[in-house]
């Protein structure tokens, strides 16, 4: 079952035409598993952006390991109960992360941000 952050990330990805993997778990070379809320493979680093609900859960060594593998990291709070979904907010955030995919064409809306 998805939490509210995952629901909204998935909804934004669908509305904006982006690929997303909800509940992505990355296995590091040392065997550690790093669970993320989601992976957006077309945004940010060469391998995409991993989304976490708190940056505090990632120590500096883990952040370096993720970056060295080609991932960008984004962390933010889960939506508040009274907050309303706004796809434009997600479009702005995704545009700030930047386009990284060589597999698919950059969406037109990213050029407008």
N, C-alpha and C. Protein backbone atom coordinates (compact mmCIF):
# COMPACT_ATOMS: atom_id res chain seq x y z
N UNK A 1 0.84 -1.18 0.00
CA UNK A 1 0.00 0.00 0.00
C UNK A 1 0.89 1.26 0.00
N UNK A 2 0.56 2.20 -0.84
CA UNK A 2 1.35 3.42 -0.96
C UNK A 2 0.95 4.44 0.10
N UNK A 3 1.94 5.20 0.57
CA UNK A 3 1.64 6.31 1.47
C UNK A 3 1.28 7.54 0.63
N UNK A 4 0.93 8.63 1.30
CA UNK A 4 0.49 9.84 0.57
C UNK A 4 1.59 10.41 -0.31
N UNK A 5 2.83 10.40 0.17
CA UNK A 5 3.93 10.91 -0.65
C UNK A 5 4.05 10.10 -1.94
N UNK A 6 4.01 8.79 -1.82
CA UNK A 6 4.10 7.92 -2.99
C UNK A 6 2.90 8.10 -3.92
N UNK A 7 1.71 8.23 -3.35
CA UNK A 7 0.51 8.48 -4.17
C UNK A 7 0.67 9.74 -5.01
N UNK A 8 1.12 10.81 -4.37
CA UNK A 8 1.24 12.08 -5.08
C UNK A 8 2.37 12.06 -6.09
N UNK A 9 3.49 11.43 -5.74
CA UNK A 9 4.58 11.30 -6.71
C UNK A 9 4.13 10.51 -7.93
N UNK A 10 3.41 9.42 -7.70
CA UNK A 10 2.92 8.59 -8.80
C UNK A 10 1.92 9.36 -9.66
N UNK A 11 1.02 10.08 -9.00
CA UNK A 11 0.02 10.87 -9.73
C UNK A 11 0.70 11.94 -10.59
N UNK A 12 1.68 12.63 -10.01
CA UNK A 12 2.40 13.67 -10.75
C UNK A 12 3.14 13.06 -11.93
N UNK A 13 3.79 11.93 -11.71
CA UNK A 13 4.54 11.28 -12.79
C UNK A 13 3.61 10.90 -13.94
N UNK A 14 2.46 10.35 -13.63
CA UNK A 14 1.50 9.97 -14.68
C UNK A 14 1.04 11.21 -15.43
N UNK A 15 0.64 12.25 -14.69
CA UNK A 15 0.13 13.46 -15.33
C UNK A 15 1.19 14.17 -16.18
N UNK A 16 2.45 14.03 -15.79
CA UNK A 16 3.53 14.73 -16.50
C UNK A 16 4.28 13.83 -17.48
N UNK A 17 3.88 12.58 -17.58
CA UNK A 17 4.48 11.67 -18.55
C UNK A 17 5.87 11.18 -18.19
N UNK A 18 6.11 10.97 -16.90
CA UNK A 18 7.42 10.52 -16.43
C UNK A 18 7.36 9.08 -15.93
N UNK A 19 8.49 8.40 -16.03
CA UNK A 19 8.58 7.06 -15.46
C UNK A 19 8.88 7.18 -13.97
N UNK A 20 8.33 6.25 -13.18
CA UNK A 20 8.56 6.24 -11.74
C UNK A 20 8.52 4.81 -11.24
N UNK A 21 9.35 4.54 -10.24
CA UNK A 21 9.34 3.25 -9.55
C UNK A 21 9.05 3.56 -8.08
N UNK A 22 7.88 3.18 -7.61
CA UNK A 22 7.48 3.43 -6.23
C UNK A 22 8.10 2.37 -5.32
N UNK A 23 8.57 2.79 -4.15
CA UNK A 23 9.13 1.85 -3.18
C UNK A 23 10.42 1.20 -3.65
N UNK A 24 11.24 1.96 -4.37
CA UNK A 24 12.49 1.44 -4.93
C UNK A 24 13.47 1.11 -3.80
N UNK A 25 14.13 -0.03 -3.89
CA UNK A 25 15.16 -0.41 -2.92
C UNK A 25 16.47 -0.61 -3.69
N UNK A 26 17.46 0.18 -3.35
CA UNK A 26 18.77 0.11 -4.00
C UNK A 26 19.71 -0.74 -3.15
N UNK A 27 20.39 -1.67 -3.78
CA UNK A 27 21.38 -2.49 -3.08
C UNK A 27 22.76 -1.94 -3.41
N UNK A 28 23.48 -1.49 -2.39
CA UNK A 28 24.82 -0.96 -2.56
C UNK A 28 25.83 -2.09 -2.70
N UNK A 29 27.00 -1.81 -3.30
CA UNK A 29 28.02 -2.85 -3.48
C UNK A 29 28.43 -3.54 -2.17
N UNK A 30 28.31 -2.82 -1.04
CA UNK A 30 28.68 -3.44 0.24
C UNK A 30 27.57 -4.30 0.82
N UNK A 31 26.46 -4.44 0.08
CA UNK A 31 25.36 -5.29 0.51
C UNK A 31 24.24 -4.58 1.22
N UNK A 32 24.46 -3.32 1.63
CA UNK A 32 23.38 -2.57 2.30
C UNK A 32 22.24 -2.30 1.33
N UNK A 33 21.03 -2.35 1.85
CA UNK A 33 19.85 -2.01 1.06
C UNK A 33 19.32 -0.66 1.53
N UNK A 34 19.08 0.22 0.58
CA UNK A 34 18.60 1.57 0.87
C UNK A 34 17.20 1.73 0.29
N UNK A 35 16.17 1.71 1.14
CA UNK A 35 14.81 1.88 0.64
C UNK A 35 14.49 3.36 0.40
N UNK A 36 13.93 3.66 -0.75
CA UNK A 36 13.52 5.02 -1.10
C UNK A 36 12.01 5.04 -1.31
N UNK A 37 11.43 6.21 -1.18
CA UNK A 37 10.00 6.36 -1.48
C UNK A 37 9.75 6.08 -2.96
N UNK A 38 10.69 6.56 -3.79
CA UNK A 38 10.52 6.39 -5.24
C UNK A 38 11.84 6.66 -5.95
N UNK A 39 11.90 6.18 -7.18
CA UNK A 39 12.99 6.49 -8.11
C UNK A 39 12.34 7.07 -9.36
N UNK A 40 12.82 8.24 -9.76
CA UNK A 40 12.42 8.83 -11.04
C UNK A 40 13.64 8.74 -11.95
N UNK A 41 13.70 7.70 -12.79
CA UNK A 41 14.92 7.40 -13.54
C UNK A 41 15.30 8.41 -14.62
N UNK A 42 14.39 9.28 -15.00
CA UNK A 42 14.67 10.23 -16.08
C UNK A 42 15.11 11.60 -15.58
N UNK A 43 15.16 11.79 -14.27
CA UNK A 43 15.45 13.10 -13.70
C UNK A 43 16.70 13.07 -12.83
N UNK A 44 17.46 14.17 -12.84
CA UNK A 44 18.58 14.32 -11.93
C UNK A 44 19.86 13.68 -12.41
N UNK A 45 20.39 12.75 -11.62
CA UNK A 45 21.64 12.07 -11.94
C UNK A 45 21.49 11.11 -13.10
N UNK A 46 22.62 10.56 -13.54
CA UNK A 46 22.61 9.63 -14.68
C UNK A 46 21.64 8.47 -14.49
N UNK A 47 21.49 8.01 -13.24
CA UNK A 47 20.59 6.89 -12.96
C UNK A 47 19.26 7.34 -12.37
N UNK A 48 19.06 8.66 -12.29
CA UNK A 48 17.80 9.18 -11.80
C UNK A 48 17.90 9.80 -10.43
N UNK A 49 16.73 10.18 -9.91
CA UNK A 49 16.63 10.78 -8.58
C UNK A 49 15.90 9.84 -7.64
N UNK A 50 16.53 9.59 -6.50
CA UNK A 50 15.91 8.82 -5.43
C UNK A 50 15.23 9.80 -4.49
N UNK A 51 13.98 9.52 -4.14
CA UNK A 51 13.22 10.39 -3.25
C UNK A 51 13.10 9.72 -1.88
N UNK A 52 13.45 10.48 -0.85
CA UNK A 52 13.35 10.01 0.53
C UNK A 52 12.43 10.95 1.30
N UNK A 53 11.84 10.43 2.38
CA UNK A 53 10.98 11.29 3.18
C UNK A 53 11.76 12.05 4.25
N UNK A 54 13.05 11.78 4.37
CA UNK A 54 13.88 12.52 5.31
C UNK A 54 15.35 12.34 4.96
N UNK A 55 16.04 13.45 4.80
CA UNK A 55 17.47 13.37 4.50
C UNK A 55 18.25 12.93 5.72
N UNK A 56 17.68 13.12 6.91
CA UNK A 56 18.35 12.75 8.14
C UNK A 56 18.64 11.27 8.25
N UNK A 57 17.92 10.45 7.52
CA UNK A 57 18.12 9.01 7.57
C UNK A 57 19.31 8.53 6.75
N UNK A 58 19.92 9.43 6.00
CA UNK A 58 21.06 9.06 5.15
C UNK A 58 22.32 9.72 5.68
N UNK A 59 23.28 8.91 6.09
CA UNK A 59 24.54 9.49 6.55
C UNK A 59 25.36 9.95 5.35
N UNK A 60 26.42 10.70 5.63
CA UNK A 60 27.24 11.28 4.56
C UNK A 60 27.84 10.20 3.67
N UNK A 61 28.27 9.09 4.25
CA UNK A 61 28.84 8.00 3.46
C UNK A 61 27.84 7.39 2.50
N UNK A 62 26.60 7.24 2.96
CA UNK A 62 25.55 6.70 2.09
C UNK A 62 25.24 7.67 0.96
N UNK A 63 25.17 8.96 1.28
CA UNK A 63 24.91 9.96 0.23
C UNK A 63 26.02 9.95 -0.81
N UNK A 64 27.26 9.83 -0.36
CA UNK A 64 28.39 9.76 -1.30
C UNK A 64 28.30 8.50 -2.16
N UNK A 65 27.94 7.38 -1.54
CA UNK A 65 27.82 6.12 -2.29
C UNK A 65 26.74 6.22 -3.36
N UNK A 66 25.62 6.83 -3.02
CA UNK A 66 24.53 7.00 -3.99
C UNK A 66 24.97 7.91 -5.13
N UNK A 67 25.63 9.02 -4.79
CA UNK A 67 26.09 9.95 -5.82
C UNK A 67 27.14 9.30 -6.72
N UNK A 68 28.04 8.51 -6.14
CA UNK A 68 29.08 7.87 -6.95
C UNK A 68 28.51 6.84 -7.91
N UNK A 69 27.35 6.30 -7.59
CA UNK A 69 26.69 5.36 -8.49
C UNK A 69 25.89 6.07 -9.58
N UNK A 70 25.69 7.38 -9.44
CA UNK A 70 24.99 8.14 -10.47
C UNK A 70 23.59 8.57 -10.11
N UNK A 71 23.24 8.51 -8.82
CA UNK A 71 21.91 8.94 -8.38
C UNK A 71 21.96 10.35 -7.81
N UNK A 72 20.89 11.09 -8.03
CA UNK A 72 20.65 12.32 -7.29
C UNK A 72 19.72 11.95 -6.14
N UNK A 73 19.70 12.80 -5.13
CA UNK A 73 18.87 12.54 -3.96
C UNK A 73 17.99 13.75 -3.70
N UNK A 74 16.73 13.49 -3.39
CA UNK A 74 15.83 14.55 -2.95
C UNK A 74 15.08 14.03 -1.73
N UNK A 75 14.94 14.90 -0.74
CA UNK A 75 14.21 14.52 0.47
C UNK A 75 13.26 15.65 0.85
N UNK A 76 12.05 15.29 1.14
CA UNK A 76 11.07 16.27 1.59
C UNK A 76 10.01 15.56 2.42
N UNK A 77 9.20 16.35 3.10
CA UNK A 77 8.18 15.79 3.99
C UNK A 77 6.98 15.28 3.22
N UNK A 78 6.31 14.33 3.85
CA UNK A 78 5.06 13.82 3.29
C UNK A 78 4.03 14.96 3.30
N UNK A 79 3.11 14.99 2.32
CA UNK A 79 2.10 16.05 2.30
C UNK A 79 1.28 16.08 3.60
N UNK A 80 0.92 17.28 4.01
CA UNK A 80 0.10 17.45 5.21
C UNK A 80 -1.33 16.98 4.91
N UNK A 81 -2.07 16.57 5.94
CA UNK A 81 -3.44 16.07 5.72
C UNK A 81 -4.36 17.07 5.02
N UNK A 82 -4.17 18.37 5.29
CA UNK A 82 -5.05 19.38 4.68
C UNK A 82 -4.50 19.95 3.37
N UNK A 83 -3.34 19.47 2.95
CA UNK A 83 -2.71 19.94 1.72
C UNK A 83 -3.42 19.37 0.50
N UNK A 84 -3.50 20.17 -0.57
CA UNK A 84 -4.12 19.71 -1.81
C UNK A 84 -3.04 19.45 -2.86
N UNK A 85 -3.25 18.39 -3.64
CA UNK A 85 -2.32 18.04 -4.71
C UNK A 85 -2.31 19.14 -5.77
N UNK A 86 -1.10 19.52 -6.21
CA UNK A 86 -0.95 20.53 -7.25
C UNK A 86 0.16 20.06 -8.19
N UNK A 87 -0.22 19.61 -9.37
CA UNK A 87 0.76 19.05 -10.30
C UNK A 87 1.81 20.09 -10.71
N UNK A 88 1.45 21.37 -10.71
CA UNK A 88 2.41 22.41 -11.08
C UNK A 88 3.58 22.48 -10.11
N UNK A 89 3.30 22.25 -8.82
CA UNK A 89 4.39 22.23 -7.84
C UNK A 89 5.37 21.11 -8.14
N UNK A 90 4.84 19.96 -8.52
CA UNK A 90 5.71 18.83 -8.87
C UNK A 90 6.47 19.11 -10.17
N UNK A 91 5.81 19.72 -11.14
CA UNK A 91 6.47 20.05 -12.41
C UNK A 91 7.65 20.98 -12.16
N UNK A 92 7.47 21.98 -11.30
CA UNK A 92 8.57 22.89 -10.96
C UNK A 92 9.73 22.16 -10.30
N UNK A 93 9.40 21.31 -9.33
CA UNK A 93 10.44 20.56 -8.62
C UNK A 93 11.18 19.63 -9.58
N UNK A 94 10.44 18.91 -10.41
CA UNK A 94 11.06 17.98 -11.36
C UNK A 94 11.95 18.74 -12.35
N UNK A 95 11.49 19.91 -12.80
CA UNK A 95 12.30 20.71 -13.73
C UNK A 95 13.60 21.15 -13.07
N UNK A 96 13.54 21.50 -11.78
CA UNK A 96 14.75 21.88 -11.04
C UNK A 96 15.73 20.72 -10.95
N UNK A 97 15.24 19.51 -10.84
CA UNK A 97 16.12 18.34 -10.77
C UNK A 97 16.85 18.14 -12.09
N UNK A 98 16.24 18.54 -13.19
CA UNK A 98 16.86 18.43 -14.51
C UNK A 98 16.56 17.11 -15.20
N UNK A 99 16.69 17.13 -16.51
CA UNK A 99 16.43 15.96 -17.34
C UNK A 99 17.71 15.16 -17.50
N UNK A 100 17.63 13.84 -17.33
CA UNK A 100 18.81 12.99 -17.39
C UNK A 100 18.69 11.85 -18.39
N UNK A 101 17.51 11.63 -18.93
CA UNK A 101 17.28 10.44 -19.75
C UNK A 101 17.83 10.58 -21.17
N UNK A 102 18.47 9.52 -21.62
CA UNK A 102 18.84 9.40 -23.03
C UNK A 102 17.87 8.47 -23.74
N UNK A 103 17.00 7.82 -22.96
CA UNK A 103 16.07 6.82 -23.51
C UNK A 103 14.81 7.43 -24.11
N UNK A 104 14.33 8.50 -23.51
CA UNK A 104 13.10 9.12 -24.00
C UNK A 104 13.30 10.63 -24.13
N UNK A 105 12.46 11.25 -24.92
CA UNK A 105 12.56 12.67 -25.20
C UNK A 105 12.10 13.50 -24.01
N UNK A 106 12.81 14.57 -23.76
CA UNK A 106 12.45 15.50 -22.68
C UNK A 106 11.06 16.06 -22.94
N UNK A 107 10.19 16.02 -21.93
CA UNK A 107 8.83 16.55 -22.11
C UNK A 107 8.84 18.05 -22.41
N UNK A 108 7.92 18.48 -23.22
CA UNK A 108 7.83 19.90 -23.60
C UNK A 108 7.65 20.79 -22.38
N UNK A 109 6.85 20.35 -21.40
CA UNK A 109 6.59 21.19 -20.23
C UNK A 109 7.88 21.54 -19.48
N UNK A 110 8.91 20.71 -19.58
CA UNK A 110 10.17 21.01 -18.87
C UNK A 110 10.89 22.20 -19.49
N UNK A 111 10.66 22.45 -20.76
CA UNK A 111 11.27 23.59 -21.44
C UNK A 111 10.59 24.90 -21.04
N UNK A 112 9.39 24.79 -20.49
CA UNK A 112 8.61 25.98 -20.12
C UNK A 112 8.88 26.42 -18.70
N UNK A 113 9.62 25.64 -17.93
CA UNK A 113 9.86 25.96 -16.51
C UNK A 113 11.14 26.75 -16.33
